[in-house]
Amino acid sequence: MSEGRHADTVVAIARGWIGTPYRHQASLKGVGSDCLGLVRGVWRELYGREPEEAGPYQPDWAERGGEDRLLAAALRHFGPALDLAQMQAGDVLLFRWHAGCPAKHLGILSGPDRFIHAYEQAAVIESSLVPAWRRRICAVFRFPERV
């Protein structure tokens, strides 16, 4: 599959999750998902298996240990981060709320200025990638064509 078609597939799968209610630790399309659950669900649909067992985590998991666990997991499964200038639809965006803090949110770029993510206390939605979101991007990853 060409890179463009693969990216289109990623975006189409992610859009299929829109409207799924926000549920902490969940990853079931139409039933419940958090931001990690969305990316896990897209991964499962692309590759037919779970990327890894996420294990239980509290809503404040990033503040508790100080480890950048989300970034470490992304590096394990997606490989090296891309330069922000290379990001394209279908890429996974990691967000860091403050410099020096672990990444705590992620979403999937759906267009030049839009991304799909699980929004706490709402649902999986497609949002504008406004400057307030864009400046918090700390890493960009691409779903591998084959795993």
N, C-alpha and C. Protein backbone atom coordinates (compact mmCIF):
# COMPACT_ATOMS: atom_id res chain seq x y z
N MET A 1 0.86 -1.18 0.00
CA MET A 1 0.00 0.00 0.00
C MET A 1 0.89 1.23 0.00
N SER A 2 0.56 2.22 -0.81
CA SER A 2 1.36 3.44 -0.88
C SER A 2 1.20 4.23 0.41
N GLU A 3 2.19 5.09 0.68
CA GLU A 3 2.17 5.89 1.91
C GLU A 3 0.91 6.75 2.01
N GLY A 4 0.48 7.34 0.87
CA GLY A 4 -0.73 8.17 0.87
C GLY A 4 -1.97 7.37 1.17
N ARG A 5 -2.08 6.18 0.57
CA ARG A 5 -3.25 5.33 0.83
C ARG A 5 -3.24 4.85 2.27
N HIS A 6 -2.06 4.54 2.80
CA HIS A 6 -1.95 4.10 4.19
C HIS A 6 -2.43 5.22 5.13
N ALA A 7 -1.99 6.43 4.87
CA ALA A 7 -2.40 7.58 5.69
C ALA A 7 -3.91 7.79 5.59
N ASP A 8 -4.47 7.66 4.40
CA ASP A 8 -5.92 7.79 4.23
C ASP A 8 -6.66 6.73 5.03
N THR A 9 -6.12 5.52 5.06
CA THR A 9 -6.74 4.43 5.83
C THR A 9 -6.71 4.77 7.32
N VAL A 10 -5.58 5.27 7.82
CA VAL A 10 -5.47 5.65 9.23
C VAL A 10 -6.53 6.70 9.57
N VAL A 11 -6.64 7.73 8.75
CA VAL A 11 -7.60 8.80 9.02
C VAL A 11 -9.03 8.26 8.97
N ALA A 12 -9.34 7.42 8.01
CA ALA A 12 -10.69 6.84 7.91
C ALA A 12 -11.02 6.01 9.14
N ILE A 13 -10.07 5.22 9.60
CA ILE A 13 -10.30 4.41 10.80
C ILE A 13 -10.54 5.33 11.99
N ALA A 14 -9.69 6.34 12.15
CA ALA A 14 -9.83 7.27 13.29
C ALA A 14 -11.17 8.00 13.23
N ARG A 15 -11.59 8.40 12.05
CA ARG A 15 -12.88 9.09 11.92
C ARG A 15 -14.04 8.17 12.32
N GLY A 16 -13.87 6.88 12.14
CA GLY A 16 -14.88 5.92 12.56
C GLY A 16 -15.10 5.90 14.07
N TRP A 17 -14.15 6.44 14.82
CA TRP A 17 -14.26 6.51 16.28
C TRP A 17 -14.96 7.78 16.75
N ILE A 18 -15.16 8.75 15.87
CA ILE A 18 -15.78 10.02 16.28
C ILE A 18 -17.15 9.74 16.88
N GLY A 19 -17.39 10.37 18.01
CA GLY A 19 -18.64 10.18 18.75
C GLY A 19 -18.54 9.15 19.85
N THR A 20 -17.47 8.35 19.86
CA THR A 20 -17.28 7.39 20.95
C THR A 20 -17.12 8.17 22.25
N PRO A 21 -17.91 7.87 23.28
CA PRO A 21 -17.81 8.62 24.54
C PRO A 21 -16.43 8.51 25.18
N TYR A 22 -16.04 9.56 25.89
CA TYR A 22 -14.77 9.53 26.61
C TYR A 22 -14.92 8.61 27.83
N ARG A 23 -14.03 7.64 27.93
CA ARG A 23 -13.97 6.76 29.09
C ARG A 23 -12.50 6.50 29.38
N HIS A 24 -12.07 6.88 30.57
CA HIS A 24 -10.68 6.68 30.98
C HIS A 24 -10.33 5.20 30.88
N GLN A 25 -9.21 4.87 30.29
CA GLN A 25 -8.63 3.54 30.09
C GLN A 25 -9.37 2.68 29.07
N ALA A 26 -10.42 3.17 28.46
CA ALA A 26 -11.19 2.36 27.52
C ALA A 26 -10.63 2.45 26.11
N SER A 27 -10.95 1.44 25.30
CA SER A 27 -10.53 1.41 23.90
C SER A 27 -11.50 0.54 23.10
N LEU A 28 -12.76 0.94 23.09
CA LEU A 28 -13.77 0.19 22.36
C LEU A 28 -14.64 1.16 21.56
N LYS A 29 -14.50 1.12 20.24
CA LYS A 29 -15.21 2.03 19.35
C LYS A 29 -16.71 1.99 19.63
N GLY A 30 -17.29 3.19 19.78
CA GLY A 30 -18.72 3.31 20.01
C GLY A 30 -19.14 3.15 21.45
N VAL A 31 -18.25 2.62 22.28
CA VAL A 31 -18.56 2.37 23.69
C VAL A 31 -17.82 3.33 24.61
N GLY A 32 -16.50 3.43 24.44
CA GLY A 32 -15.72 4.33 25.27
C GLY A 32 -14.25 4.30 24.91
N SER A 33 -13.59 5.45 25.06
CA SER A 33 -12.18 5.56 24.72
C SER A 33 -11.57 6.80 25.36
N ASP A 34 -10.31 6.67 25.73
CA ASP A 34 -9.52 7.87 26.04
C ASP A 34 -8.55 8.07 24.88
N CYS A 35 -7.65 9.02 24.99
CA CYS A 35 -6.78 9.32 23.85
C CYS A 35 -5.86 8.15 23.50
N LEU A 36 -5.34 7.47 24.50
CA LEU A 36 -4.50 6.29 24.25
C LEU A 36 -5.34 5.18 23.65
N GLY A 37 -6.55 5.01 24.15
CA GLY A 37 -7.44 3.98 23.63
C GLY A 37 -7.77 4.19 22.16
N LEU A 38 -7.90 5.42 21.74
CA LEU A 38 -8.15 5.72 20.33
C LEU A 38 -6.99 5.23 19.47
N VAL A 39 -5.78 5.57 19.84
CA VAL A 39 -4.61 5.16 19.05
C VAL A 39 -4.46 3.64 19.10
N ARG A 40 -4.70 3.03 20.26
CA ARG A 40 -4.65 1.57 20.36
C ARG A 40 -5.69 0.94 19.45
N GLY A 41 -6.89 1.51 19.40
CA GLY A 41 -7.95 0.97 18.55
C GLY A 41 -7.62 1.07 17.07
N VAL A 42 -7.05 2.19 16.66
CA VAL A 42 -6.63 2.34 15.27
C VAL A 42 -5.54 1.32 14.96
N TRP A 43 -4.59 1.15 15.87
CA TRP A 43 -3.51 0.17 15.70
C TRP A 43 -4.12 -1.23 15.52
N ARG A 44 -5.07 -1.60 16.38
CA ARG A 44 -5.69 -2.93 16.28
C ARG A 44 -6.36 -3.13 14.93
N GLU A 45 -7.04 -2.10 14.44
CA GLU A 45 -7.72 -2.24 13.17
C GLU A 45 -6.73 -2.33 12.01
N LEU A 46 -5.62 -1.64 12.12
CA LEU A 46 -4.60 -1.69 11.06
C LEU A 46 -3.85 -3.02 11.05
N TYR A 47 -3.49 -3.52 12.25
CA TYR A 47 -2.56 -4.65 12.33
C TYR A 47 -3.16 -5.92 12.93
N GLY A 48 -4.41 -5.86 13.41
CA GLY A 48 -5.06 -7.05 13.91
C GLY A 48 -4.68 -7.50 15.30
N ARG A 49 -3.98 -6.65 16.02
CA ARG A 49 -3.57 -7.00 17.39
C ARG A 49 -3.30 -5.74 18.19
N GLU A 50 -3.27 -5.91 19.49
CA GLU A 50 -2.98 -4.81 20.42
C GLU A 50 -1.48 -4.50 20.34
N PRO A 51 -1.08 -3.21 20.36
CA PRO A 51 0.35 -2.91 20.32
C PRO A 51 1.08 -3.44 21.55
N GLU A 52 0.48 -3.27 22.71
CA GLU A 52 1.01 -3.83 23.96
C GLU A 52 -0.06 -3.65 25.03
N GLU A 53 0.04 -4.38 26.11
CA GLU A 53 -0.90 -4.23 27.22
C GLU A 53 -0.59 -2.91 27.91
N ALA A 54 -1.57 -2.03 27.96
CA ALA A 54 -1.35 -0.72 28.58
C ALA A 54 -1.30 -0.81 30.10
N GLY A 55 -2.00 -1.77 30.68
CA GLY A 55 -2.06 -1.87 32.14
C GLY A 55 -2.87 -0.71 32.70
N PRO A 56 -3.27 -0.83 33.95
CA PRO A 56 -4.08 0.24 34.55
C PRO A 56 -3.25 1.52 34.74
N TYR A 57 -3.93 2.64 34.62
CA TYR A 57 -3.27 3.93 34.84
C TYR A 57 -4.30 4.91 35.37
N GLN A 58 -3.86 5.75 36.26
CA GLN A 58 -4.72 6.76 36.88
C GLN A 58 -4.80 7.99 35.97
N PRO A 59 -5.84 8.82 36.14
CA PRO A 59 -5.92 10.04 35.33
C PRO A 59 -4.69 10.95 35.48
N ASP A 60 -4.03 10.90 36.62
CA ASP A 60 -2.84 11.75 36.85
C ASP A 60 -1.54 10.97 36.68
N TRP A 61 -1.57 9.91 35.87
CA TRP A 61 -0.42 9.04 35.70
C TRP A 61 0.85 9.78 35.28
N ALA A 62 0.75 10.78 34.45
CA ALA A 62 1.94 11.48 33.96
C ALA A 62 2.60 12.30 35.06
N GLU A 63 1.81 12.82 35.98
CA GLU A 63 2.36 13.64 37.05
C GLU A 63 2.99 12.79 38.15
N ARG A 64 2.57 11.55 38.28
CA ARG A 64 2.99 10.71 39.40
C ARG A 64 4.44 10.26 39.32
N GLY A 65 4.86 9.69 38.19
CA GLY A 65 6.18 9.08 38.15
C GLY A 65 7.26 9.94 37.54
N GLY A 66 6.87 10.95 36.78
CA GLY A 66 7.87 11.79 36.13
C GLY A 66 8.46 11.16 34.88
N GLU A 67 8.18 9.86 34.65
CA GLU A 67 8.68 9.21 33.44
C GLU A 67 7.84 9.64 32.25
N ASP A 68 8.45 9.69 31.09
CA ASP A 68 7.73 10.05 29.88
C ASP A 68 7.27 8.75 29.22
N ARG A 69 6.32 8.06 29.86
CA ARG A 69 5.89 6.73 29.44
C ARG A 69 5.20 6.73 28.09
N LEU A 70 4.41 7.75 27.80
CA LEU A 70 3.71 7.81 26.52
C LEU A 70 4.72 7.97 25.38
N LEU A 71 5.70 8.83 25.57
CA LEU A 71 6.74 9.01 24.56
C LEU A 71 7.55 7.74 24.38
N ALA A 72 7.91 7.08 25.48
CA ALA A 72 8.69 5.84 25.40
C ALA A 72 7.92 4.76 24.64
N ALA A 73 6.62 4.64 24.90
CA ALA A 73 5.81 3.65 24.19
C ALA A 73 5.71 3.98 22.70
N ALA A 74 5.55 5.26 22.38
CA ALA A 74 5.49 5.67 20.98
C ALA A 74 6.80 5.31 20.27
N LEU A 75 7.91 5.55 20.90
CA LEU A 75 9.21 5.21 20.30
C LEU A 75 9.34 3.71 20.07
N ARG A 76 8.82 2.90 20.99
CA ARG A 76 8.87 1.44 20.85
C ARG A 76 8.06 0.96 19.65
N HIS A 77 6.91 1.56 19.41
CA HIS A 77 6.01 1.04 18.39
C HIS A 77 6.09 1.75 17.05
N PHE A 78 6.40 3.02 17.06
CA PHE A 78 6.42 3.79 15.82
C PHE A 78 7.82 4.05 15.30
N GLY A 79 8.83 3.89 16.14
CA GLY A 79 10.20 4.21 15.74
C GLY A 79 10.50 5.66 16.04
N PRO A 80 11.58 6.18 15.50
CA PRO A 80 11.99 7.55 15.81
C PRO A 80 10.92 8.58 15.45
N ALA A 81 10.86 9.63 16.25
CA ALA A 81 9.93 10.73 15.98
C ALA A 81 10.35 11.45 14.71
N LEU A 82 9.35 12.00 14.04
CA LEU A 82 9.58 12.78 12.83
C LEU A 82 9.76 14.25 13.19
N ASP A 83 10.36 14.99 12.29
CA ASP A 83 10.43 16.42 12.44
C ASP A 83 9.01 16.98 12.28
N LEU A 84 8.65 17.98 13.07
CA LEU A 84 7.30 18.55 13.00
C LEU A 84 6.95 19.03 11.60
N ALA A 85 7.93 19.48 10.82
CA ALA A 85 7.68 19.95 9.46
C ALA A 85 7.26 18.81 8.53
N GLN A 86 7.52 17.55 8.93
CA GLN A 86 7.18 16.39 8.10
C GLN A 86 5.78 15.85 8.39
N MET A 87 5.09 16.39 9.40
CA MET A 87 3.82 15.77 9.78
C MET A 87 2.80 15.87 8.67
N GLN A 88 2.02 14.79 8.55
CA GLN A 88 0.99 14.70 7.53
C GLN A 88 -0.21 13.95 8.09
N ALA A 89 -1.31 14.04 7.39
CA ALA A 89 -2.53 13.34 7.82
C ALA A 89 -2.20 11.88 8.10
N GLY A 90 -2.77 11.35 9.17
CA GLY A 90 -2.54 9.97 9.58
C GLY A 90 -1.46 9.83 10.64
N ASP A 91 -0.70 10.89 10.90
CA ASP A 91 0.36 10.82 11.91
C ASP A 91 -0.20 10.99 13.32
N VAL A 92 0.51 10.39 14.26
CA VAL A 92 0.16 10.49 15.67
C VAL A 92 0.89 11.70 16.26
N LEU A 93 0.15 12.55 16.94
CA LEU A 93 0.72 13.73 17.59
C LEU A 93 0.73 13.51 19.09
N LEU A 94 1.87 13.73 19.72
CA LEU A 94 1.96 13.71 21.18
C LEU A 94 2.01 15.14 21.68
N PHE A 95 1.30 15.39 22.77
CA PHE A 95 1.21 16.74 23.33
C PHE A 95 1.77 16.75 24.74
N ARG A 96 2.49 17.80 25.04
CA ARG A 96 3.04 18.04 26.37
C ARG A 96 2.44 19.37 26.84
N TRP A 97 1.81 19.36 28.02
CA TRP A 97 1.15 20.59 28.50
C TRP A 97 2.16 21.67 28.87
N HIS A 98 3.30 21.27 29.45
CA HIS A 98 4.32 22.25 29.86
C HIS A 98 5.70 21.68 29.55
N ALA A 99 6.63 22.56 29.19
CA ALA A 99 8.00 22.14 28.92
C ALA A 99 8.56 21.42 30.14
N GLY A 100 9.26 20.34 29.90
CA GLY A 100 9.88 19.58 30.98
C GLY A 100 8.95 18.56 31.62
N CYS A 101 7.68 18.57 31.26
CA CYS A 101 6.72 17.59 31.80
C CYS A 101 6.55 16.46 30.78
N PRO A 102 6.13 15.28 31.24
CA PRO A 102 5.89 14.18 30.30
C PRO A 102 4.74 14.50 29.34
N ALA A 103 4.78 13.88 28.17
CA ALA A 103 3.67 13.97 27.23
C ALA A 103 2.45 13.33 27.89
N LYS A 104 1.29 13.95 27.70
CA LYS A 104 0.10 13.47 28.39
C LYS A 104 -1.11 13.28 27.49
N HIS A 105 -1.05 13.68 26.25
CA HIS A 105 -2.21 13.57 25.37
C HIS A 105 -1.72 13.20 23.99
N LEU A 106 -2.58 12.56 23.21
CA LEU A 106 -2.22 12.27 21.83
C LEU A 106 -3.46 12.27 20.96
N GLY A 107 -3.22 12.41 19.68
CA GLY A 107 -4.28 12.42 18.70
C GLY A 107 -3.73 12.05 17.35
N ILE A 108 -4.59 12.02 16.35
CA ILE A 108 -4.20 11.64 14.99
C ILE A 108 -4.51 12.80 14.06
N LEU A 109 -3.49 13.28 13.36
CA LEU A 109 -3.66 14.39 12.43
C LEU A 109 -4.58 13.93 11.30
N SER A 110 -5.63 14.69 11.02
CA SER A 110 -6.59 14.31 9.99
C SER A 110 -6.53 15.23 8.77
N GLY A 111 -5.82 16.30 8.87
CA GLY A 111 -5.66 17.27 7.79
C GLY A 111 -4.62 18.27 8.23
N PRO A 112 -4.31 19.25 7.39
CA PRO A 112 -3.25 20.21 7.74
C PRO A 112 -3.50 20.93 9.07
N ASP A 113 -4.75 21.18 9.39
CA ASP A 113 -5.06 21.95 10.59
C ASP A 113 -6.14 21.30 11.44
N ARG A 114 -6.23 19.96 11.39
CA ARG A 114 -7.26 19.25 12.15
C ARG A 114 -6.68 17.96 12.72
N PHE A 115 -7.22 17.54 13.86
CA PHE A 115 -6.80 16.28 14.44
C PHE A 115 -7.96 15.63 15.18
N ILE A 116 -7.87 14.32 15.32
CA ILE A 116 -8.89 13.53 16.00
C ILE A 116 -8.30 13.07 17.32
N HIS A 117 -9.08 13.26 18.39
CA HIS A 117 -8.60 12.86 19.71
C HIS A 117 -9.79 12.62 20.62
N ALA A 118 -9.52 11.93 21.72
CA ALA A 118 -10.56 11.69 22.73
C ALA A 118 -10.48 12.85 23.71
N TYR A 119 -11.53 13.62 23.76
CA TYR A 119 -11.57 14.82 24.58
C TYR A 119 -12.25 14.50 25.91
N GLU A 120 -11.50 14.66 27.00
CA GLU A 120 -12.01 14.31 28.33
C GLU A 120 -13.35 14.99 28.61
N GLN A 121 -14.24 14.25 29.23
CA GLN A 121 -15.59 14.68 29.58
C GLN A 121 -16.44 14.98 28.35
N ALA A 122 -16.05 14.42 27.21
CA ALA A 122 -16.85 14.61 25.99
C ALA A 122 -16.84 13.31 25.20
N ALA A 123 -16.09 13.28 24.12
CA ALA A 123 -16.09 12.12 23.22
C ALA A 123 -14.87 12.21 22.31
N VAL A 124 -14.74 11.23 21.43
CA VAL A 124 -13.74 11.33 20.37
C VAL A 124 -14.29 12.35 19.37
N ILE A 125 -13.48 13.36 19.09
CA ILE A 125 -13.91 14.46 18.24
C ILE A 125 -12.80 14.82 17.25
N GLU A 126 -13.17 15.57 16.23
CA GLU A 126 -12.18 16.15 15.32
C GLU A 126 -12.12 17.63 15.65
N SER A 127 -10.94 18.10 16.00
CA SER A 127 -10.75 19.49 16.44
C SER A 127 -9.83 20.24 15.49
N SER A 128 -9.93 21.54 15.53
CA SER A 128 -8.97 22.39 14.82
C SER A 128 -7.64 22.34 15.56
N LEU A 129 -6.58 22.27 14.80
CA LEU A 129 -5.24 22.30 15.38
C LEU A 129 -4.82 23.77 15.50
N VAL A 130 -5.46 24.45 16.44
CA VAL A 130 -5.22 25.87 16.66
C VAL A 130 -3.85 26.07 17.30
N PRO A 131 -3.34 27.29 17.31
CA PRO A 131 -2.01 27.51 17.89
C PRO A 131 -1.85 26.98 19.31
N ALA A 132 -2.88 27.04 20.14
CA ALA A 132 -2.76 26.54 21.52
C ALA A 132 -2.47 25.04 21.53
N TRP A 133 -3.03 24.30 20.60
CA TRP A 133 -2.71 22.86 20.48
C TRP A 133 -1.36 22.69 19.79
N ARG A 134 -1.15 23.38 18.70
CA ARG A 134 0.06 23.19 17.88
C ARG A 134 1.33 23.41 18.70
N ARG A 135 1.35 24.43 19.55
CA ARG A 135 2.58 24.71 20.31
C ARG A 135 2.86 23.66 21.39
N ARG A 136 1.89 22.81 21.68
CA ARG A 136 2.09 21.75 22.68
C ARG A 136 2.52 20.42 22.08
N ILE A 137 2.61 20.35 20.74
CA ILE A 137 3.08 19.11 20.11
C ILE A 137 4.53 18.91 20.49
N CYS A 138 4.82 17.75 21.06
CA CYS A 138 6.21 17.46 21.43
C CYS A 138 6.84 16.37 20.57
N ALA A 139 6.01 15.62 19.84
CA ALA A 139 6.55 14.58 18.96
C ALA A 139 5.49 14.19 17.95
N VAL A 140 5.97 13.74 16.79
CA VAL A 140 5.11 13.27 15.71
C VAL A 140 5.62 11.90 15.29
N PHE A 141 4.68 10.97 15.12
CA PHE A 141 5.02 9.61 14.72
C PHE A 141 4.12 9.16 13.58
N ARG A 142 4.62 8.24 12.77
CA ARG A 142 3.84 7.72 11.65
C ARG A 142 3.56 6.24 11.90
N PHE A 143 2.32 5.83 11.65
CA PHE A 143 1.99 4.41 11.74
C PHE A 143 2.82 3.67 10.70
N PRO A 144 3.50 2.60 11.11
CA PRO A 144 4.28 1.85 10.12
C PRO A 144 3.36 1.19 9.10
N GLU A 145 3.83 1.03 7.87
CA GLU A 145 3.01 0.39 6.84
C GLU A 145 2.79 -1.08 7.16
N ARG A 146 3.75 -1.71 7.76
CA ARG A 146 3.63 -3.11 8.17
C ARG A 146 4.28 -3.30 9.53
N VAL A 147 3.69 -4.21 10.30
CA VAL A 147 4.25 -4.52 11.62
C VAL A 147 4.55 -5.99 11.67
